[in-house]
Amino acid sequence: MADYASGMITAFVLVEARPDAIADLAPSIAEIVGVREAHSVAGGDTDLLAVLRVPDHAAIADVVTEHIARLPGVSSTRTMIAFRSYSSEQLDAGYEGFGD
C-alpha cells in the first residue's frame, strides 16, 4: 500500500565522510530538523545514510545543502528521492479484518 496520505516526501541522503568524523557526524545529522533517522553504514563510498521526511522538495534542498553538507567532516552527499513508500505495517493494515 503506497503512503500518499501523509503529504510528506521521503529522501535518502548518502553521506561520504572523513573516517575520523563519522562517529560525531551521525548524531549531528540526526538532530537536524527534517532528518528522521541517521545510520552508520558499510559498503561502497557511503559512510552514513540519513532518512529525511519533509513537506516539499525545497525542504530537501535546504536540509542537504544548508545543513548536512556544511557539517565538518562531510566530504560529499548524494540524494535519492522516494516516489512511493511501502511498509509491512501499511500492508498489514490494508488486510486487517479479512479472513478473520
PDB file of N, CA and C in Angstrom:
ATOM      1  N   MET A   1       0.844  -1.167   0.000  1.00  0.00           N
ATOM      2  CA  MET A   1       0.000   0.000   0.000  1.00  0.00           C
ATOM      3  C   MET A   1       0.894   1.237   0.000  1.00  0.00           C
ATOM      4  N   ALA A   2       0.722   2.129  -0.918  1.00  0.00           N
ATOM      5  CA  ALA A   2       1.541   3.331  -1.023  1.00  0.00           C
ATOM      6  C   ALA A   2       1.141   4.339   0.041  1.00  0.00           C
ATOM      7  N   ASP A   3       2.117   5.127   0.478  1.00  0.00           N
ATOM      8  CA  ASP A   3       1.885   6.143   1.503  1.00  0.00           C
ATOM      9  C   ASP A   3       1.666   7.493   0.830  1.00  0.00           C
ATOM     10  N   TYR A   4       0.409   7.799   0.490  1.00  0.00           N
ATOM     11  CA  TYR A   4       0.071   9.075  -0.128  1.00  0.00           C
ATOM     12  C   TYR A   4      -0.542  10.033   0.875  1.00  0.00           C
ATOM     13  N   ALA A   5      -1.105   9.517   1.931  1.00  0.00           N
ATOM     14  CA  ALA A   5      -1.900  10.318   2.859  1.00  0.00           C
ATOM     15  C   ALA A   5      -1.066  11.318   3.650  1.00  0.00           C
ATOM     16  N   SER A   6       0.167  11.018   3.912  1.00  0.00           N
ATOM     17  CA  SER A   6       0.956  11.864   4.799  1.00  0.00           C
ATOM     18  C   SER A   6       1.317  13.206   4.176  1.00  0.00           C
ATOM     19  N   GLY A   7       1.398  13.276   2.852  1.00  0.00           N
ATOM     20  CA  GLY A   7       1.776  14.521   2.203  1.00  0.00           C
ATOM     21  C   GLY A   7       3.239  14.871   2.388  1.00  0.00           C
ATOM     22  N   MET A   8       4.012  13.962   2.924  1.00  0.00           N
ATOM     23  CA  MET A   8       5.437  14.212   3.153  1.00  0.00           C
ATOM     24  C   MET A   8       6.269  13.486   2.107  1.00  0.00           C
ATOM     25  N   ILE A   9       7.433  14.023   1.842  1.00  0.00           N
ATOM     26  CA  ILE A   9       8.370  13.425   0.899  1.00  0.00           C
ATOM     27  C   ILE A   9       9.466  12.727   1.692  1.00  0.00           C
ATOM     28  N   THR A  10       9.809  11.525   1.271  1.00  0.00           N
ATOM     29  CA  THR A  10      10.918  10.784   1.873  1.00  0.00           C
ATOM     30  C   THR A  10      12.113  10.878   0.945  1.00  0.00           C
ATOM     31  N   ALA A  11      13.264  11.157   1.513  1.00  0.00           N
ATOM     32  CA  ALA A  11      14.509  11.192   0.736  1.00  0.00           C
ATOM     33  C   ALA A  11      15.593  10.486   1.539  1.00  0.00           C
ATOM     34  N   PHE A  12      16.553   9.935   0.823  1.00  0.00           N
ATOM     35  CA  PHE A  12      17.685   9.252   1.433  1.00  0.00           C
ATOM     36  C   PHE A  12      18.948   9.999   1.017  1.00  0.00           C
ATOM     37  N   VAL A  13      19.741  10.375   1.989  1.00  0.00           N
ATOM     38  CA  VAL A  13      20.969  11.108   1.707  1.00  0.00           C
ATOM     39  C   VAL A  13      22.150  10.212   2.069  1.00  0.00           C
ATOM     40  N   LEU A  14      22.937   9.876   1.050  1.00  0.00           N
ATOM     41  CA  LEU A  14      24.145   9.080   1.252  1.00  0.00           C
ATOM     42  C   LEU A  14      25.272  10.063   1.536  1.00  0.00           C
ATOM     43  N   VAL A  15      25.956   9.875   2.639  1.00  0.00           N
ATOM     44  CA  VAL A  15      26.988  10.807   3.067  1.00  0.00           C
ATOM     45  C   VAL A  15      28.337  10.111   3.081  1.00  0.00           C
ATOM     46  N   GLU A  16      29.289  10.702   2.391  1.00  0.00           N
ATOM     47  CA  GLU A  16      30.672  10.248   2.462  1.00  0.00           C
ATOM     48  C   GLU A  16      31.374  11.200   3.416  1.00  0.00           C
ATOM     49  N   ALA A  17      32.130  10.641   4.368  1.00  0.00           N
ATOM     50  CA  ALA A  17      32.742  11.461   5.401  1.00  0.00           C
ATOM     51  C   ALA A  17      34.185  11.055   5.659  1.00  0.00           C
ATOM     52  N   ARG A  18      34.913  11.976   6.278  1.00  0.00           N
ATOM     53  CA  ARG A  18      36.257  11.640   6.720  1.00  0.00           C
ATOM     54  C   ARG A  18      36.140  10.571   7.800  1.00  0.00           C
ATOM     55  N   PRO A  19      37.004   9.566   7.787  1.00  0.00           N
ATOM     56  CA  PRO A  19      36.903   8.485   8.770  1.00  0.00           C
ATOM     57  C   PRO A  19      36.900   8.969  10.215  1.00  0.00           C
ATOM     58  N   ASP A  20      37.664   9.987  10.515  1.00  0.00           N
ATOM     59  CA  ASP A  20      37.741  10.464  11.891  1.00  0.00           C
ATOM     60  C   ASP A  20      36.507  11.265  12.319  1.00  0.00           C
ATOM     61  N   ALA A  21      35.604  11.568  11.387  1.00  0.00           N
ATOM     62  CA  ALA A  21      34.432  12.382  11.691  1.00  0.00           C
ATOM     63  C   ALA A  21      33.139  11.571  11.777  1.00  0.00           C
ATOM     64  N   ILE A  22      33.152  10.335  11.335  1.00  0.00           N
ATOM     65  CA  ILE A  22      31.919   9.548  11.218  1.00  0.00           C
ATOM     66  C   ILE A  22      31.169   9.433  12.548  1.00  0.00           C
ATOM     67  N   ALA A  23      31.865   9.106  13.615  1.00  0.00           N
ATOM     68  CA  ALA A  23      31.199   8.894  14.907  1.00  0.00           C
ATOM     69  C   ALA A  23      30.486  10.152  15.397  1.00  0.00           C
ATOM     70  N   ASP A  24      31.043  11.316  15.139  1.00  0.00           N
ATOM     71  CA  ASP A  24      30.419  12.570  15.575  1.00  0.00           C
ATOM     72  C   ASP A  24      29.345  13.048  14.607  1.00  0.00           C
ATOM     73  N   LEU A  25      29.473  12.699  13.347  1.00  0.00           N
ATOM     74  CA  LEU A  25      28.515  13.166  12.340  1.00  0.00           C
ATOM     75  C   LEU A  25      27.138  12.543  12.475  1.00  0.00           C
ATOM     76  N   ALA A  26      27.072  11.259  12.748  1.00  0.00           N
ATOM     77  CA  ALA A  26      25.767  10.591  12.794  1.00  0.00           C
ATOM     78  C   ALA A  26      24.813  11.249  13.789  1.00  0.00           C
ATOM     79  N   PRO A  27      25.209  11.497  15.031  1.00  0.00           N
ATOM     80  CA  PRO A  27      24.291  12.172  15.953  1.00  0.00           C
ATOM     81  C   PRO A  27      23.979  13.606  15.525  1.00  0.00           C
ATOM     82  N   SER A  28      24.958  14.294  14.947  1.00  0.00           N
ATOM     83  CA  SER A  28      24.728  15.667  14.485  1.00  0.00           C
ATOM     84  C   SER A  28      23.709  15.707  13.358  1.00  0.00           C
ATOM     85  N   ILE A  29      23.798  14.761  12.442  1.00  0.00           N
ATOM     86  CA  ILE A  29      22.840  14.686  11.331  1.00  0.00           C
ATOM     87  C   ILE A  29      21.449  14.353  11.868  1.00  0.00           C
ATOM     88  N   ALA A  30      21.373  13.435  12.819  1.00  0.00           N
ATOM     89  CA  ALA A  30      20.083  13.011  13.365  1.00  0.00           C
ATOM     90  C   ALA A  30      19.346  14.160  14.049  1.00  0.00           C
ATOM     91  N   GLU A  31      20.053  15.159  14.515  1.00  0.00           N
ATOM     92  CA  GLU A  31      19.439  16.297  15.210  1.00  0.00           C
ATOM     93  C   GLU A  31      18.886  17.364  14.267  1.00  0.00           C
ATOM     94  N   ILE A  32      19.186  17.282  12.987  1.00  0.00           N
ATOM     95  CA  ILE A  32      18.729  18.282  12.025  1.00  0.00           C
ATOM     96  C   ILE A  32      17.232  18.130  11.787  1.00  0.00           C
ATOM     97  N   VAL A  33      16.527  19.246  11.809  1.00  0.00           N
ATOM     98  CA  VAL A  33      15.088  19.229  11.546  1.00  0.00           C
ATOM     99  C   VAL A  33      14.853  18.701  10.132  1.00  0.00           C
ATOM    100  N   GLY A  34      13.979  17.719  10.014  1.00  0.00           N
ATOM    101  CA  GLY A  34      13.692  17.087   8.728  1.00  0.00           C
ATOM    102  C   GLY A  34      14.361  15.737   8.572  1.00  0.00           C
ATOM    103  N   VAL A  35      15.363  15.466   9.403  1.00  0.00           N
ATOM    104  CA  VAL A  35      16.028  14.161   9.377  1.00  0.00           C
ATOM    105  C   VAL A  35      15.299  13.255  10.354  1.00  0.00           C
ATOM    106  N   ARG A  36      14.793  12.158   9.828  1.00  0.00           N
ATOM    107  CA  ARG A  36      14.053  11.205  10.671  1.00  0.00           C
ATOM    108  C   ARG A  36      14.989  10.208  11.345  1.00  0.00           C
ATOM    109  N   GLU A  37      16.030   9.786  10.605  1.00  0.00           N
ATOM    110  CA  GLU A  37      16.984   8.804  11.126  1.00  0.00           C
ATOM    111  C   GLU A  37      18.341   9.050  10.485  1.00  0.00           C
ATOM    112  N   ALA A  38      19.392   8.645  11.188  1.00  0.00           N
ATOM    113  CA  ALA A  38      20.739   8.644  10.624  1.00  0.00           C
ATOM    114  C   ALA A  38      21.379   7.304  10.981  1.00  0.00           C
ATOM    115  N   HIS A  39      22.019   6.684   9.992  1.00  0.00           N
ATOM    116  CA  HIS A  39      22.606   5.359  10.189  1.00  0.00           C
ATOM    117  C   HIS A  39      24.054   5.358   9.731  1.00  0.00           C
ATOM    118  N   SER A  40      24.901   4.698  10.476  1.00  0.00           N
ATOM    119  CA  SER A  40      26.254   4.411  10.032  1.00  0.00           C
ATOM    120  C   SER A  40      26.153   3.139   9.198  1.00  0.00           C
ATOM    121  N   VAL A  41      26.705   3.148   7.985  1.00  0.00           N
ATOM    122  CA  VAL A  41      26.567   2.004   7.089  1.00  0.00           C
ATOM    123  C   VAL A  41      27.914   1.598   6.506  1.00  0.00           C
ATOM    124  N   ALA A  42      27.977   0.393   5.988  1.00  0.00           N
ATOM    125  CA  ALA A  42      29.182  -0.126   5.361  1.00  0.00           C
ATOM    126  C   ALA A  42      28.872  -0.486   3.922  1.00  0.00           C
ATOM    127  N   GLY A  43      29.868  -0.359   3.077  1.00  0.00           N
ATOM    128  CA  GLY A  43      29.720  -0.744   1.680  1.00  0.00           C
ATOM    129  C   GLY A  43      29.840   0.454   0.759  1.00  0.00           C
ATOM    130  N   GLY A  44      30.624   0.313  -0.258  1.00  0.00           N
ATOM    131  CA  GLY A  44      30.782   1.397  -1.220  1.00  0.00           C
ATOM    132  C   GLY A  44      31.452   2.608  -0.584  1.00  0.00           C
ATOM    133  N   ASP A  45      31.110   3.773  -1.105  1.00  0.00           N
ATOM    134  CA  ASP A  45      31.697   5.018  -0.620  1.00  0.00           C
ATOM    135  C   ASP A  45      30.832   5.700   0.433  1.00  0.00           C
ATOM    136  N   THR A  46      29.714   5.084   0.786  1.00  0.00           N
ATOM    137  CA  THR A  46      28.788   5.688   1.735  1.00  0.00           C
ATOM    138  C   THR A  46      29.168   5.308   3.167  1.00  0.00           C
ATOM    139  N   ASP A  47      29.281   6.324   4.019  1.00  0.00           N
ATOM    140  CA  ASP A  47      29.594   6.105   5.419  1.00  0.00           C
ATOM    141  C   ASP A  47      28.372   6.256   6.307  1.00  0.00           C
ATOM    142  N   LEU A  48      27.479   7.179   5.921  1.00  0.00           N
ATOM    143  CA  LEU A  48      26.274   7.456   6.696  1.00  0.00           C
ATOM    144  C   LEU A  48      25.087   7.569   5.756  1.00  0.00           C
ATOM    145  N   LEU A  49      23.928   7.185   6.252  1.00  0.00           N
ATOM    146  CA  LEU A  49      22.691   7.299   5.491  1.00  0.00           C
ATOM    147  C   LEU A  49      21.703   8.080   6.349  1.00  0.00           C
ATOM    148  N   ALA A  50      21.190   9.181   5.813  1.00  0.00           N
ATOM    149  CA  ALA A  50      20.176   9.966   6.511  1.00  0.00           C
ATOM    150  C   ALA A  50      18.841   9.764   5.808  1.00  0.00           C
ATOM    151  N   VAL A  51      17.797   9.536   6.586  1.00  0.00           N
ATOM    152  CA  VAL A  51      16.443   9.391   6.059  1.00  0.00           C
ATOM    153  C   VAL A  51      15.711  10.690   6.378  1.00  0.00           C
ATOM    154  N   LEU A  52      15.247  11.375   5.338  1.00  0.00           N
ATOM    155  CA  LEU A  52      14.536  12.634   5.504  1.00  0.00           C
ATOM    156  C   LEU A  52      13.046  12.439   5.302  1.00  0.00           C
ATOM    157  N   ARG A  53      12.231  13.151   6.068  1.00  0.00           N
ATOM    158  CA  ARG A  53      10.772  13.238   5.859  1.00  0.00           C
ATOM    159  C   ARG A  53      10.454  14.720   5.938  1.00  0.00           C
ATOM    160  N   VAL A  54      10.177  15.300   4.791  1.00  0.00           N
ATOM    161  CA  VAL A  54       9.976  16.744   4.691  1.00  0.00           C
ATOM    162  C   VAL A  54       8.747  17.051   3.852  1.00  0.00           C
ATOM    163  N   PRO A  55       8.215  18.283   3.958  1.00  0.00           N
ATOM    164  CA  PRO A  55       6.971  18.603   3.260  1.00  0.00           C
ATOM    165  C   PRO A  55       7.111  18.844   1.761  1.00  0.00           C
ATOM    166  N   ASP A  56       8.297  19.223   1.294  1.00  0.00           N
ATOM    167  CA  ASP A  56       8.434  19.534  -0.134  1.00  0.00           C
ATOM    168  C   ASP A  56       9.890  19.431  -0.583  1.00  0.00           C
ATOM    169  N   HIS A  57      10.094  19.572  -1.900  1.00  0.00           N
ATOM    170  CA  HIS A  57      11.435  19.439  -2.469  1.00  0.00           C
ATOM    171  C   HIS A  57      12.368  20.547  -2.003  1.00  0.00           C
ATOM    172  N   ALA A  58      11.839  21.736  -1.776  1.00  0.00           N
ATOM    173  CA  ALA A  58      12.667  22.841  -1.293  1.00  0.00           C
ATOM    174  C   ALA A  58      13.262  22.501   0.072  1.00  0.00           C
ATOM    175  N   ALA A  59      12.503  21.801   0.894  1.00  0.00           N
ATOM    176  CA  ALA A  59      12.995  21.403   2.215  1.00  0.00           C
ATOM    177  C   ALA A  59      14.133  20.393   2.089  1.00  0.00           C
ATOM    178  N   ILE A  60      14.058  19.520   1.096  1.00  0.00           N
ATOM    179  CA  ILE A  60      15.164  18.571   0.863  1.00  0.00           C
ATOM    180  C   ILE A  60      16.430  19.354   0.546  1.00  0.00           C
ATOM    181  N   ALA A  61      16.307  20.299  -0.363  1.00  0.00           N
ATOM    182  CA  ALA A  61      17.466  21.113  -0.743  1.00  0.00           C
ATOM    183  C   ALA A  61      18.036  21.841   0.471  1.00  0.00           C
ATOM    184  N   ASP A  62      17.174  22.377   1.302  1.00  0.00           N
ATOM    185  CA  ASP A  62      17.624  23.104   2.486  1.00  0.00           C
ATOM    186  C   ASP A  62      18.341  22.184   3.462  1.00  0.00           C
ATOM    187  N   VAL A  63      17.741  21.046   3.773  1.00  0.00           N
ATOM    188  CA  VAL A  63      18.342  20.118   4.733  1.00  0.00           C
ATOM    189  C   VAL A  63      19.703  19.638   4.228  1.00  0.00           C
ATOM    190  N   VAL A  64      19.775  19.286   2.951  1.00  0.00           N
ATOM    191  CA  VAL A  64      21.019  18.727   2.421  1.00  0.00           C
ATOM    192  C   VAL A  64      22.087  19.801   2.248  1.00  0.00           C
ATOM    193  N   THR A  65      21.773  20.876   1.535  1.00  0.00           N
ATOM    194  CA  THR A  65      22.817  21.853   1.194  1.00  0.00           C
ATOM    195  C   THR A  65      23.137  22.832   2.315  1.00  0.00           C
ATOM    196  N   GLU A  66      22.146  23.188   3.103  1.00  0.00           N
ATOM    197  CA  GLU A  66      22.378  24.169   4.160  1.00  0.00           C
ATOM    198  C   GLU A  66      22.783  23.550   5.488  1.00  0.00           C
ATOM    199  N   HIS A  67      22.502  22.274   5.664  1.00  0.00           N
ATOM    200  CA  HIS A  67      22.779  21.659   6.962  1.00  0.00           C
ATOM    201  C   HIS A  67      23.738  20.472   6.872  1.00  0.00           C
ATOM    202  N   ILE A  68      23.331  19.389   6.201  1.00  0.00           N
ATOM    203  CA  ILE A  68      24.177  18.189   6.177  1.00  0.00           C
ATOM    204  C   ILE A  68      25.516  18.457   5.499  1.00  0.00           C
ATOM    205  N   ALA A  69      25.496  19.001   4.304  1.00  0.00           N
ATOM    206  CA  ALA A  69      26.739  19.187   3.537  1.00  0.00           C
ATOM    207  C   ALA A  69      27.716  20.156   4.199  1.00  0.00           C
ATOM    208  N   ARG A  70      27.220  21.015   5.070  1.00  0.00           N
ATOM    209  CA  ARG A  70      28.078  22.010   5.733  1.00  0.00           C
ATOM    210  C   ARG A  70      28.687  21.518   7.038  1.00  0.00           C
ATOM    211  N   LEU A  71      28.303  20.336   7.476  1.00  0.00           N
ATOM    212  CA  LEU A  71      28.872  19.809   8.719  1.00  0.00           C
ATOM    213  C   LEU A  71      30.347  19.479   8.526  1.00  0.00           C
ATOM    214  N   PRO A  72      31.190  19.812   9.504  1.00  0.00           N
ATOM    215  CA  PRO A  72      32.608  19.476   9.403  1.00  0.00           C
ATOM    216  C   PRO A  72      32.801  17.966   9.283  1.00  0.00           C
ATOM    217  N   GLY A  73      33.582  17.553   8.317  1.00  0.00           N
ATOM    218  CA  GLY A  73      33.857  16.137   8.105  1.00  0.00           C
ATOM    219  C   GLY A  73      33.095  15.520   6.955  1.00  0.00           C
ATOM    220  N   VAL A  74      32.052  16.212   6.448  1.00  0.00           N
ATOM    221  CA  VAL A  74      31.301  15.691   5.308  1.00  0.00           C
ATOM    222  C   VAL A  74      32.099  15.958   4.040  1.00  0.00           C
ATOM    223  N   SER A  75      32.401  14.906   3.292  1.00  0.00           N
ATOM    224  CA  SER A  75      33.149  15.042   2.031  1.00  0.00           C
ATOM    225  C   SER A  75      32.218  15.234   0.851  1.00  0.00           C
ATOM    226  N   SER A  76      31.102  14.503   0.839  1.00  0.00           N
ATOM    227  CA  SER A  76      30.140  14.623  -0.254  1.00  0.00           C
ATOM    228  C   SER A  76      28.804  14.023   0.166  1.00  0.00           C
ATOM    229  N   THR A  77      27.760  14.412  -0.578  1.00  0.00           N
ATOM    230  CA  THR A  77      26.434  13.841  -0.354  1.00  0.00           C
ATOM    231  C   THR A  77      25.833  13.444  -1.689  1.00  0.00           C
ATOM    232  N   ARG A  78      24.925  12.517  -1.614  1.00  0.00           N
ATOM    233  CA  ARG A  78      24.171  12.082  -2.794  1.00  0.00           C
ATOM    234  C   ARG A  78      22.752  11.817  -2.319  1.00  0.00           C
ATOM    235  N   THR A  79      21.781  12.430  -2.976  1.00  0.00           N
ATOM    236  CA  THR A  79      20.404  12.361  -2.512  1.00  0.00           C
ATOM    237  C   THR A  79      19.534  11.563  -3.469  1.00  0.00           C
ATOM    238  N   MET A  80      18.697  10.690  -2.889  1.00  0.00           N
ATOM    239  CA  MET A  80      17.711   9.931  -3.653  1.00  0.00           C
ATOM    240  C   MET A  80      16.343  10.246  -3.070  1.00  0.00           C
ATOM    241  N   ILE A  81      15.372  10.520  -3.934  1.00  0.00           N
ATOM    242  CA  ILE A  81      14.024  10.850  -3.503  1.00  0.00           C
ATOM    243  C   ILE A  81      13.118   9.663  -3.779  1.00  0.00           C
ATOM    244  N   ALA A  82      12.329   9.274  -2.775  1.00  0.00           N
ATOM    245  CA  ALA A  82      11.400   8.150  -2.921  1.00  0.00           C
ATOM    246  C   ALA A  82      10.144   8.617  -3.649  1.00  0.00           C
ATOM    247  N   PHE A  83       9.709   7.860  -4.650  1.00  0.00           N
ATOM    248  CA  PHE A  83       8.454   8.150  -5.334  1.00  0.00           C
ATOM    249  C   PHE A  83       7.277   7.642  -4.522  1.00  0.00           C
ATOM    250  N   ARG A  84       7.417   6.440  -3.995  1.00  0.00           N
ATOM    251  CA  ARG A  84       6.380   5.820  -3.167  1.00  0.00           C
ATOM    252  C   ARG A  84       7.057   5.125  -2.006  1.00  0.00           C
ATOM    253  N   SER A  85       6.364   5.082  -0.891  1.00  0.00           N
ATOM    254  CA  SER A  85       6.897   4.413   0.297  1.00  0.00           C
ATOM    255  C   SER A  85       5.970   3.271   0.687  1.00  0.00           C
ATOM    256  N   TYR A  86       6.555   2.159   1.084  1.00  0.00           N
ATOM    257  CA  TYR A  86       5.809   0.977   1.490  1.00  0.00           C
ATOM    258  C   TYR A  86       6.371   0.489   2.814  1.00  0.00           C
ATOM    259  N   SER A  87       5.515  -0.067   3.638  1.00  0.00           N
ATOM    260  CA  SER A  87       5.990  -0.695   4.860  1.00  0.00           C
ATOM    261  C   SER A  87       5.117  -1.914   5.145  1.00  0.00           C
ATOM    262  N   SER A  88       5.667  -2.862   5.884  1.00  0.00           N
ATOM    263  CA  SER A  88       4.886  -4.054   6.220  1.00  0.00           C
ATOM    264  C   SER A  88       3.703  -3.689   7.100  1.00  0.00           C
ATOM    265  N   GLU A  89       3.840  -2.659   7.938  1.00  0.00           N
ATOM    266  CA  GLU A  89       2.722  -2.216   8.779  1.00  0.00           C
ATOM    267  C   GLU A  89       1.552  -1.723   7.923  1.00  0.00           C
ATOM    268  N   GLN A  90       1.856  -0.969   6.872  1.00  0.00           N
ATOM    269  CA  GLN A  90       0.808  -0.470   5.986  1.00  0.00           C
ATOM    270  C   GLN A  90       0.128  -1.624   5.261  1.00  0.00           C
ATOM    271  N   LEU A  91       0.917  -2.586   4.805  1.00  0.00           N
ATOM    272  CA  LEU A  91       0.348  -3.724   4.098  1.00  0.00           C
ATOM    273  C   LEU A  91      -0.536  -4.544   5.035  1.00  0.00           C
ATOM    274  N   ASP A  92      -0.080  -4.751   6.257  1.00  0.00           N
ATOM    275  CA  ASP A  92      -0.885  -5.491   7.238  1.00  0.00           C
ATOM    276  C   ASP A  92      -2.188  -4.760   7.526  1.00  0.00           C
ATOM    277  N   ALA A  93      -2.135  -3.442   7.675  1.00  0.00           N
ATOM    278  CA  ALA A  93      -3.341  -2.654   7.966  1.00  0.00           C
ATOM    279  C   ALA A  93      -4.336  -2.724   6.817  1.00  0.00           C
ATOM    280  N   GLY A  94      -3.834  -2.821   5.591  1.00  0.00           N
ATOM    281  CA  GLY A  94      -4.696  -2.889   4.423  1.00  0.00           C
ATOM    282  C   GLY A  94      -5.523  -4.172   4.360  1.00  0.00           C
ATOM    283  N   TYR A  95      -5.032  -5.232   5.003  1.00  0.00           N
ATOM    284  CA  TYR A  95      -5.718  -6.514   5.007  1.00  0.00           C
ATOM    285  C   TYR A  95      -6.377  -6.835   6.339  1.00  0.00           C
ATOM    286  N   GLU A  96      -6.345  -5.868   7.263  1.00  0.00           N
ATOM    287  CA  GLU A  96      -6.929  -6.083   8.586  1.00  0.00           C
ATOM    288  C   GLU A  96      -8.415  -6.412   8.479  1.00  0.00           C
ATOM    289  N   GLY A  97      -8.835  -7.461   9.160  1.00  0.00           N
ATOM    290  CA  GLY A  97     -10.246  -7.842   9.167  1.00  0.00           C
ATOM    291  C   GLY A  97     -10.626  -8.856   8.089  1.00  0.00           C
ATOM    292  N   PHE A  98      -9.745  -9.074   7.086  1.00  0.00           N
ATOM    293  CA  PHE A  98     -10.046 -10.056   6.053  1.00  0.00           C
ATOM    294  C   PHE A  98      -9.641 -11.441   6.541  1.00  0.00           C
ATOM    295  N   GLY A  99     -10.497 -12.389   6.345  1.00  0.00           N
ATOM    296  CA  GLY A  99     -10.198 -13.784   6.693  1.00  0.00           C
ATOM    297  C   GLY A  99     -10.299 -14.103   8.158  1.00  0.00           C
ATOM    298  N   ASP A 100     -10.800 -13.176   8.949  1.00  0.00           N
ATOM    299  CA  ASP A 100     -10.944 -13.438  10.388  1.00  0.00           C
ATOM    300  C   ASP A 100     -12.201 -14.231  10.664  1.00  0.00           C
TER     301      ASP A 100
END
